[in-house]
Structure formats: C-alpha cells, structure tokens
C-alpha cells in the first residue's frame, strides 16, 4: 500500500510538471526575446537575424532584441548564453566553427553541452574578395603577390579561429604561400576594411559580401565550395583552380541547457514556418542567402560532426599559426 501511495504521488507530480511545461509553452512568448550576437553589427549573424526577425516577431507577437557581445571569437556571447535563465527569453546565434572549435583551442567558461541547438538557418560558403578597383583581378594575381612578398599581403577574417581564418591557413598550405591573416570582430568589419583599402583582401561568406560584389565594389576571386553558386556563376571555386578545400559558416539559434523542450519545439517550428514561407524564399533568392533549416536533433548532430572535422584542422594548421 505504501508503494502504491508513493507511485501515486510521483505520478501526480510528473503530471503536474508536464501540465505546467505545456502551459508555459502554450503561453510562450509573453515578452520580448533577447538575441545574443557574438560579433559586431553588419556581419553574418546580423544578416541571418535580419532575414528571419521580422517574420518571427509577427508570428510570436513580440519583439526580438539584438544584443551585441563581440569579442573573444564569440565566447563572450556564448558564455552569457550558457549562464542565462533557461526560459526561452534569451537565445543566441550560434555559429560554426566557433561552437565546436572554441572549447578545443582554449579554456572557455562554456562547453557545447551547456547549449541546446534549436534551429540552423543558414550554411554559408566562404569566398575570397578584394577591392574591385585594386590590382588583384584573379586568384592567380593574389597568389603571385603573396609569393613575391611573403607575409605582406593582408587578408581579413571574421575571427581567430574561425572559418575564414582556417580557410586562409588551408590556402596558404595548399598554395605554399604566406599571407598575413588579420582577425576582426566580425564579417562586416572584415569586408569593410578590404573595401576601404586597409587590407588587401577579405576571406568572408557569400551572403555577407554578395551585394557588394553585385554592386561592383568588391571583386570575388574564388568560392570555397564544391561547385559554383548560381548567384555568382562566373566565380570559380578553389577546387577547380587546383586547391582542394572547402569552407563556410553555419548560423542558427540555440538556448541554454535546461530550457523546456516544449519551448525549444515552439521556437524551432516557428523558424521552420518562416523559412517555408514564399516571402522568405523570395528574399533569400534575391540576396543569395543560402538557407539550410535543421531541426534541434539535426542541428545538434551537425555541430557534433563538425567538432570531429575541425579538431584535426586545429592540430594540423591552427596550433602553429597561433603559436601553441
């Protein structure tokens, strides 16, 4: 009888907790949602949020407030996200390779298991760009200049380590050249420096610099993808030019560990609803936004897979580049 009573009490508690969680999800969201961004305005995370934010706000009937926390390769933002209250009102834009690689390359105050991947939004291939009116017209020009003056050619990257940073290390190794990789606080400052002539080039992402390339302000030398993109069909890939590597960055939403599954599901399904809409798809096509929705399970698996990809790259190229 005693065991039956314990079982009844336990069952009652579980049912009550599930009901409370269901009610919480049904009411979500009831107030503005803060979105932590680990890079400066104008970069890839900013572009990603701008694509989905108006639609999410309309469906959620609340505002999404961008909170910029640039620095330390997005670790400042990721740390705050990991330590935030798991109630669905603080989400972060998680990026690759920063999420899988940062805890490997240095001691961080957060780890991947502190975050719940919610939804991936974009997987954006890398691209090497230069100022359109500059002397470098092709990748061959770029590599010739790099060989003639080792270490002098400056190439901006969004952070170190980051996808652009790793890409340039791989190009340096493949082409047997030495370039000066300059880390910035985001993709925006990186391409802006190249446009202003402060650096010779920027290793960036397609969606970030597409409008500048189409406007004739930046020149794309090569794409870091398996095949050419229909958005810039005249731009060759590094692979077809003889340099066998690809690179890019994925960006999505994550929440702190402990966030109720029901809230994660609501947020993820709303992101999918936005990305399935005709208006979003039309905007994505116009802006060369490489959409790639992944649900919580797919996104978590993807990040775990990338951890296995970037670890050997760090061992092969990264450690020596950062003097470790």
Protein backbone atom coordinates (compact mmCIF):
# COMPACT_ATOMS: atom_id res chain seq x y z
CA UNK A 1 0.00 0.00 0.00
CA UNK A 2 2.86 2.30 0.89
CA UNK A 3 4.49 1.73 -2.51
CA UNK A 4 1.19 2.41 -4.26
CA UNK A 5 0.91 5.73 -2.43
CA UNK A 6 4.47 6.70 -3.40
CA UNK A 7 3.74 5.79 -7.02
CA UNK A 8 0.51 7.82 -6.96
CA UNK A 9 2.31 10.86 -5.53
CA UNK A 10 5.15 10.54 -8.05
CA UNK A 11 2.71 10.20 -10.94
CA UNK A 12 0.76 13.21 -9.73
CA UNK A 13 3.92 15.31 -9.54
CA UNK A 14 5.05 14.26 -13.02
CA UNK A 15 1.63 15.02 -14.49
CA UNK A 16 1.62 18.41 -12.79
CA UNK A 17 5.10 19.23 -14.09
CA UNK A 18 4.16 18.19 -17.64
CA UNK A 19 1.00 20.26 -17.45
CA UNK A 20 2.97 23.25 -16.22
CA UNK A 21 5.52 22.85 -19.01
CA UNK A 22 2.72 22.55 -21.56
CA UNK A 23 1.05 25.67 -20.25
CA UNK A 24 4.37 27.52 -20.30
CA UNK A 25 4.93 26.56 -23.93
CA UNK A 26 1.35 27.47 -24.87
CA UNK A 27 1.86 30.95 -23.44
CA UNK A 28 5.34 31.40 -24.96
CA UNK A 29 6.40 34.04 -25.69
CA UNK A 30 4.79 36.58 -23.37
CA UNK A 31 7.55 39.21 -23.52
CA UNK A 32 10.47 40.35 -25.75
CA UNK A 33 13.19 37.81 -26.58
CA UNK A 34 16.83 38.86 -26.30
CA UNK A 35 19.09 37.56 -29.06
CA UNK A 36 22.79 37.38 -28.16
CA UNK A 37 25.15 38.00 -31.09
CA UNK A 38 28.86 37.33 -30.64
CA UNK A 39 30.05 39.58 -33.45
CA UNK A 40 29.89 43.23 -34.44
CA UNK A 41 26.87 44.58 -36.38
CA UNK A 42 26.96 44.07 -40.14
CA UNK A 43 28.32 40.53 -40.08
CA UNK A 44 26.88 37.13 -40.89
CA UNK A 45 24.97 36.71 -37.64
CA UNK A 46 23.39 40.12 -38.11
CA UNK A 47 22.35 39.28 -41.68
CA UNK A 48 20.89 35.96 -40.60
CA UNK A 49 18.81 37.57 -37.87
CA UNK A 50 17.59 40.33 -40.19
CA UNK A 51 16.27 37.70 -42.61
CA UNK A 52 14.05 35.93 -40.08
CA UNK A 53 13.45 38.52 -37.36
CA UNK A 54 10.51 40.46 -38.89
CA UNK A 55 8.64 37.23 -39.63
CA UNK A 56 9.37 35.70 -36.22
CA UNK A 57 8.22 38.87 -34.48
CA UNK A 58 4.97 38.76 -36.44
CA UNK A 59 4.28 35.12 -35.55
CA UNK A 60 5.46 35.44 -31.95
CA UNK A 61 3.63 38.76 -31.49
CA UNK A 62 6.60 40.18 -29.63
CA UNK A 63 9.93 41.84 -30.35
CA UNK A 64 13.33 40.18 -30.71
CA UNK A 65 16.05 42.42 -29.31
CA UNK A 66 19.57 42.07 -30.79
CA UNK A 67 22.22 42.20 -28.05
CA UNK A 68 25.73 42.53 -29.46
CA UNK A 69 28.55 40.97 -27.43
CA UNK A 70 31.52 40.93 -29.83
CA UNK A 71 34.95 39.68 -28.88
CA UNK A 72 36.92 36.55 -27.98
CA UNK A 73 35.66 34.69 -31.04
CA UNK A 74 32.06 34.93 -29.79
CA UNK A 75 32.96 33.40 -26.41
CA UNK A 76 31.58 36.43 -24.55
CA UNK A 77 28.15 35.86 -26.07
CA UNK A 78 28.31 32.06 -25.75
CA UNK A 79 29.29 32.33 -22.08
CA UNK A 80 26.38 34.67 -21.35
CA UNK A 81 24.03 32.38 -23.25
CA UNK A 82 25.18 29.32 -21.29
CA UNK A 83 24.64 31.17 -18.00
CA UNK A 84 21.28 32.70 -18.90
CA UNK A 85 17.97 31.68 -17.38
CA UNK A 86 16.62 28.74 -19.42
CA UNK A 87 13.19 30.20 -20.02
CA UNK A 88 13.25 30.84 -23.77
CA UNK A 89 13.69 34.59 -23.44
CA UNK A 90 17.44 34.56 -24.08
CA UNK A 91 18.53 32.88 -27.29
CA UNK A 92 21.86 33.11 -29.01
CA UNK A 93 23.02 32.97 -32.58
CA UNK A 94 25.43 30.07 -32.62
CA UNK A 95 27.99 29.90 -35.39
CA UNK A 96 30.46 27.44 -36.82
CA UNK A 97 33.26 26.75 -36.43
CA UNK A 98 33.21 28.76 -33.18
CA UNK A 99 30.80 26.49 -31.28
CA UNK A 100 32.65 23.22 -31.95
CA UNK A 101 36.19 24.63 -32.02
CA UNK A 102 36.45 27.28 -29.29
CA UNK A 103 36.40 24.85 -26.33
CA UNK A 104 39.07 22.80 -28.12
CA UNK A 105 41.54 25.61 -28.76
CA UNK A 106 41.30 27.38 -25.40
CA UNK A 107 39.82 27.18 -21.94
CA UNK A 108 36.28 28.55 -22.12
CA UNK A 109 33.66 29.20 -19.47
CA UNK A 110 31.13 27.27 -21.54
CA UNK A 111 31.01 23.99 -23.45
CA UNK A 112 28.79 22.58 -26.18
CA UNK A 113 26.75 20.61 -23.66
CA UNK A 114 25.76 23.90 -21.97
CA UNK A 115 23.75 24.84 -25.07
CA UNK A 116 20.65 23.39 -26.72
CA UNK A 117 20.80 23.70 -30.52
CA UNK A 118 17.34 24.85 -31.63
CA UNK A 119 17.40 25.54 -35.37
CA UNK A 120 20.03 26.09 -38.02
CA UNK A 121 19.09 28.79 -40.52
CA UNK A 122 21.95 29.17 -42.99
CA UNK A 123 25.05 27.32 -44.17
CA UNK A 124 27.12 29.93 -45.96
CA UNK A 125 30.10 29.05 -48.21
CA UNK A 126 33.32 31.01 -47.93
CA UNK A 127 34.58 33.39 -50.60
CA UNK A 128 37.75 35.45 -51.11
CA UNK A 129 37.14 39.06 -52.15
CA UNK A 130 39.27 42.11 -52.94
CA UNK A 131 38.53 45.73 -53.73
CA UNK A 132 37.13 45.84 -57.26
CA UNK A 133 39.34 48.69 -58.47
CA UNK A 134 42.50 47.20 -56.96
CA UNK A 135 45.37 45.49 -58.79
CA UNK A 136 44.35 41.91 -57.89
CA UNK A 137 41.99 40.67 -60.60
CA UNK A 138 42.24 36.88 -60.21
CA UNK A 139 43.30 34.29 -57.65
CA UNK A 140 46.47 33.85 -59.70
CA UNK A 141 47.25 37.56 -59.17
CA UNK A 142 46.61 37.18 -55.47
CA UNK A 143 48.89 34.16 -55.09
CA UNK A 144 51.62 35.73 -57.25
CA UNK A 145 51.64 38.80 -54.99
CA UNK A 146 51.73 36.57 -51.91
CA UNK A 147 54.74 34.64 -53.24
CA UNK A 148 56.63 37.77 -54.25
CA UNK A 149 56.24 39.37 -50.81
CA UNK A 150 55.78 36.62 -48.19
CA UNK A 151 53.75 37.75 -45.17
CA UNK A 152 52.93 41.18 -46.57
CA UNK A 153 49.56 40.53 -48.23
CA UNK A 154 46.88 41.18 -45.61
CA UNK A 155 43.65 39.17 -45.53
CA UNK A 156 40.83 39.98 -43.14
CA UNK A 157 38.96 37.23 -41.30
CA UNK A 158 35.95 37.50 -39.00
CA UNK A 159 37.78 35.99 -36.02
CA UNK A 160 40.59 33.66 -35.00
CA UNK A 161 39.95 30.81 -35.02
CA UNK A 162 37.04 31.00 -37.43
CA UNK A 163 36.00 29.50 -40.76
CA UNK A 164 37.69 32.29 -42.77
CA UNK A 165 40.82 32.00 -40.65
CA UNK A 166 41.01 28.23 -41.15
CA UNK A 167 40.32 28.68 -44.88
CA UNK A 168 43.28 31.01 -45.31
CA UNK A 169 45.54 28.64 -43.40
CA UNK A 170 44.46 25.85 -45.75
CA UNK A 171 45.05 28.06 -48.81
CA UNK A 172 48.47 29.10 -47.53
CA UNK A 173 49.39 25.44 -47.12
CA UNK A 174 47.93 24.31 -50.44
CA UNK A 175 49.47 27.15 -52.48
CA UNK A 176 52.71 27.26 -50.47
CA UNK A 177 52.36 30.97 -49.73
CA UNK A 178 52.42 33.10 -46.60
CA UNK A 179 49.73 35.72 -46.07
CA UNK A 180 49.10 37.96 -43.07
CA UNK A 181 45.70 36.92 -41.68
CA UNK A 182 44.11 39.81 -39.77
CA UNK A 183 41.27 38.86 -37.36
CA UNK A 184 38.36 41.29 -36.99
CA UNK A 185 35.35 41.36 -34.67
CA UNK A 186 33.03 40.09 -37.39
CA UNK A 187 32.44 39.61 -41.12
CA UNK A 188 31.24 43.20 -41.58
CA UNK A 189 34.41 44.91 -40.32
CA UNK A 190 36.47 42.43 -42.37
CA UNK A 191 34.94 43.23 -45.78
CA UNK A 192 34.69 46.93 -44.92
CA UNK A 193 38.44 47.00 -44.29
CA UNK A 194 39.09 45.45 -47.71
CA UNK A 195 36.73 47.91 -49.39
CA UNK A 196 38.47 50.84 -47.69
CA UNK A 197 41.91 49.55 -48.70
CA UNK A 198 43.03 48.87 -45.14
CA UNK A 199 43.58 45.22 -46.05
CA UNK A 200 44.35 43.60 -49.39
CA UNK A 201 41.53 41.07 -49.23
CA UNK A 202 38.80 39.57 -47.07
CA UNK A 203 38.02 35.90 -46.56
CA UNK A 204 34.31 36.10 -45.92
CA UNK A 205 30.97 34.39 -46.59
CA UNK A 206 28.93 34.56 -49.76
CA UNK A 207 25.76 36.08 -48.31
CA UNK A 208 27.71 38.79 -46.48
CA UNK A 209 29.54 40.25 -49.47
CA UNK A 210 27.15 39.31 -52.27
CA UNK A 211 25.55 42.77 -52.52
CA UNK A 212 28.96 44.47 -52.60
CA UNK A 213 30.14 42.11 -55.35
CA UNK A 214 26.97 42.66 -57.40
CA UNK A 215 27.34 46.42 -56.92
CA UNK A 216 30.85 46.27 -58.37
CA UNK A 217 32.58 47.42 -55.19
CA UNK A 218 34.23 44.12 -54.30
CA UNK A 219 35.65 41.51 -56.67
CA UNK A 220 35.20 37.81 -55.89
CA UNK A 221 38.33 35.77 -56.69
CA UNK A 222 37.17 32.26 -55.76
CA UNK A 223 34.45 30.39 -53.89
CA UNK A 224 35.19 27.87 -51.12
CA UNK A 225 32.53 25.35 -52.19
CA UNK A 226 32.31 22.05 -54.07
CA UNK A 227 30.70 23.74 -57.06
CA UNK A 228 29.95 27.22 -58.37
CA UNK A 229 27.00 29.11 -56.99
CA UNK A 230 24.15 30.20 -59.28
CA UNK A 231 24.24 33.57 -57.52
CA UNK A 232 27.76 34.30 -58.89
CA UNK A 233 28.14 31.80 -61.74
CA UNK A 234 31.29 33.41 -63.16
CA UNK A 235 33.25 32.97 -59.92
CA UNK A 236 35.35 29.78 -59.95
CA UNK A 237 35.78 27.50 -56.96
CA UNK A 238 39.15 26.95 -55.30
CA UNK A 239 38.77 23.27 -56.18
CA UNK A 240 38.52 23.89 -59.91
CA UNK A 241 41.56 26.18 -59.65
CA UNK A 242 43.58 23.34 -58.10
CA UNK A 243 43.21 23.96 -54.35
CA UNK A 244 41.24 21.10 -52.85
CA UNK A 245 39.40 22.55 -49.88
CA UNK A 246 36.02 23.97 -48.95
CA UNK A 247 34.95 26.19 -46.09
CA UNK A 248 31.93 28.03 -44.76
CA UNK A 249 29.91 29.01 -41.73
CA UNK A 250 26.59 27.79 -40.40
CA UNK A 251 24.44 30.07 -38.25
CA UNK A 252 21.42 29.19 -36.18
CA UNK A 253 19.67 29.64 -32.85
CA UNK A 254 20.49 27.96 -29.54
CA UNK A 255 19.18 28.21 -25.99
CA UNK A 256 20.69 27.48 -22.57
CA UNK A 257 20.72 23.92 -21.25
CA UNK A 258 17.61 23.28 -19.21
CA UNK A 259 15.22 25.19 -21.46
CA UNK A 260 11.94 23.22 -21.56
CA UNK A 261 11.69 21.00 -24.61
CA UNK A 262 8.25 22.41 -25.36
CA UNK A 263 9.68 25.93 -25.72
CA UNK A 264 12.54 24.67 -27.90
CA UNK A 265 9.98 22.92 -30.12
CA UNK A 266 7.82 26.04 -30.40
CA UNK A 267 10.79 28.20 -31.38
CA UNK A 268 12.17 25.67 -33.86
CA UNK A 269 8.81 25.05 -35.54
CA UNK A 270 8.22 28.80 -35.85
CA UNK A 271 11.61 29.25 -37.52
CA UNK A 272 10.68 26.48 -39.96
CA UNK A 273 7.32 28.13 -40.66
CA UNK A 274 9.15 31.35 -41.50
CA UNK A 275 11.67 29.63 -43.76
CA UNK A 276 8.95 27.68 -45.57
CA UNK A 277 7.07 30.86 -46.45
CA UNK A 278 7.06 32.15 -50.03
CA UNK A 279 8.12 35.63 -48.87
CA UNK A 280 11.21 34.33 -47.08
CA UNK A 281 12.21 32.10 -50.00
CA UNK A 282 11.86 35.03 -52.41
CA UNK A 283 14.03 37.27 -50.22
CA UNK A 284 16.61 34.51 -49.83
CA UNK A 285 16.89 34.10 -53.59
CA UNK A 286 17.27 37.85 -54.15
CA UNK A 287 20.03 38.22 -51.55
CA UNK A 288 21.94 34.97 -52.18
CA UNK A 289 21.04 33.78 -48.70
CA UNK A 290 21.95 30.04 -48.57
CA UNK A 291 19.08 28.76 -46.39
CA UNK A 292 19.56 25.46 -44.59
CA UNK A 293 16.95 24.69 -41.95
CA UNK A 294 17.87 21.98 -39.45
CA UNK A 295 15.63 20.97 -36.56
CA UNK A 296 17.03 20.60 -33.00
CA UNK A 297 18.14 16.99 -33.45
CA UNK A 298 19.69 17.60 -36.89
CA UNK A 299 21.42 20.79 -35.74
CA UNK A 300 22.89 19.09 -32.66
CA UNK A 301 24.19 16.20 -34.77
CA UNK A 302 25.66 18.61 -37.32
CA UNK A 303 27.57 20.55 -34.65
CA UNK A 304 28.89 17.30 -33.18
CA UNK A 305 30.07 16.19 -36.63
CA UNK A 306 31.88 19.49 -37.19
CA UNK A 307 33.70 19.04 -33.90
CA UNK A 308 35.33 15.98 -35.47
CA UNK A 309 36.15 17.95 -38.64
CA UNK A 310 37.76 20.96 -37.02
CA UNK A 311 39.78 19.21 -34.34
CA UNK A 312 42.30 17.74 -36.85
CA UNK A 313 42.44 21.07 -38.72
CA UNK A 314 43.41 22.75 -35.47
CA UNK A 315 46.07 20.13 -34.84
CA UNK A 316 47.43 20.42 -38.40
CA UNK A 317 47.28 24.19 -39.02
CA UNK A 318 45.84 26.13 -36.14
CA UNK A 319 48.20 25.40 -33.26
CA UNK A 320 51.30 26.57 -35.07
CA UNK A 321 49.51 29.60 -36.54
CA UNK A 322 48.55 30.79 -33.06
CA UNK A 323 51.90 29.86 -31.54
CA UNK A 324 50.59 26.95 -29.49
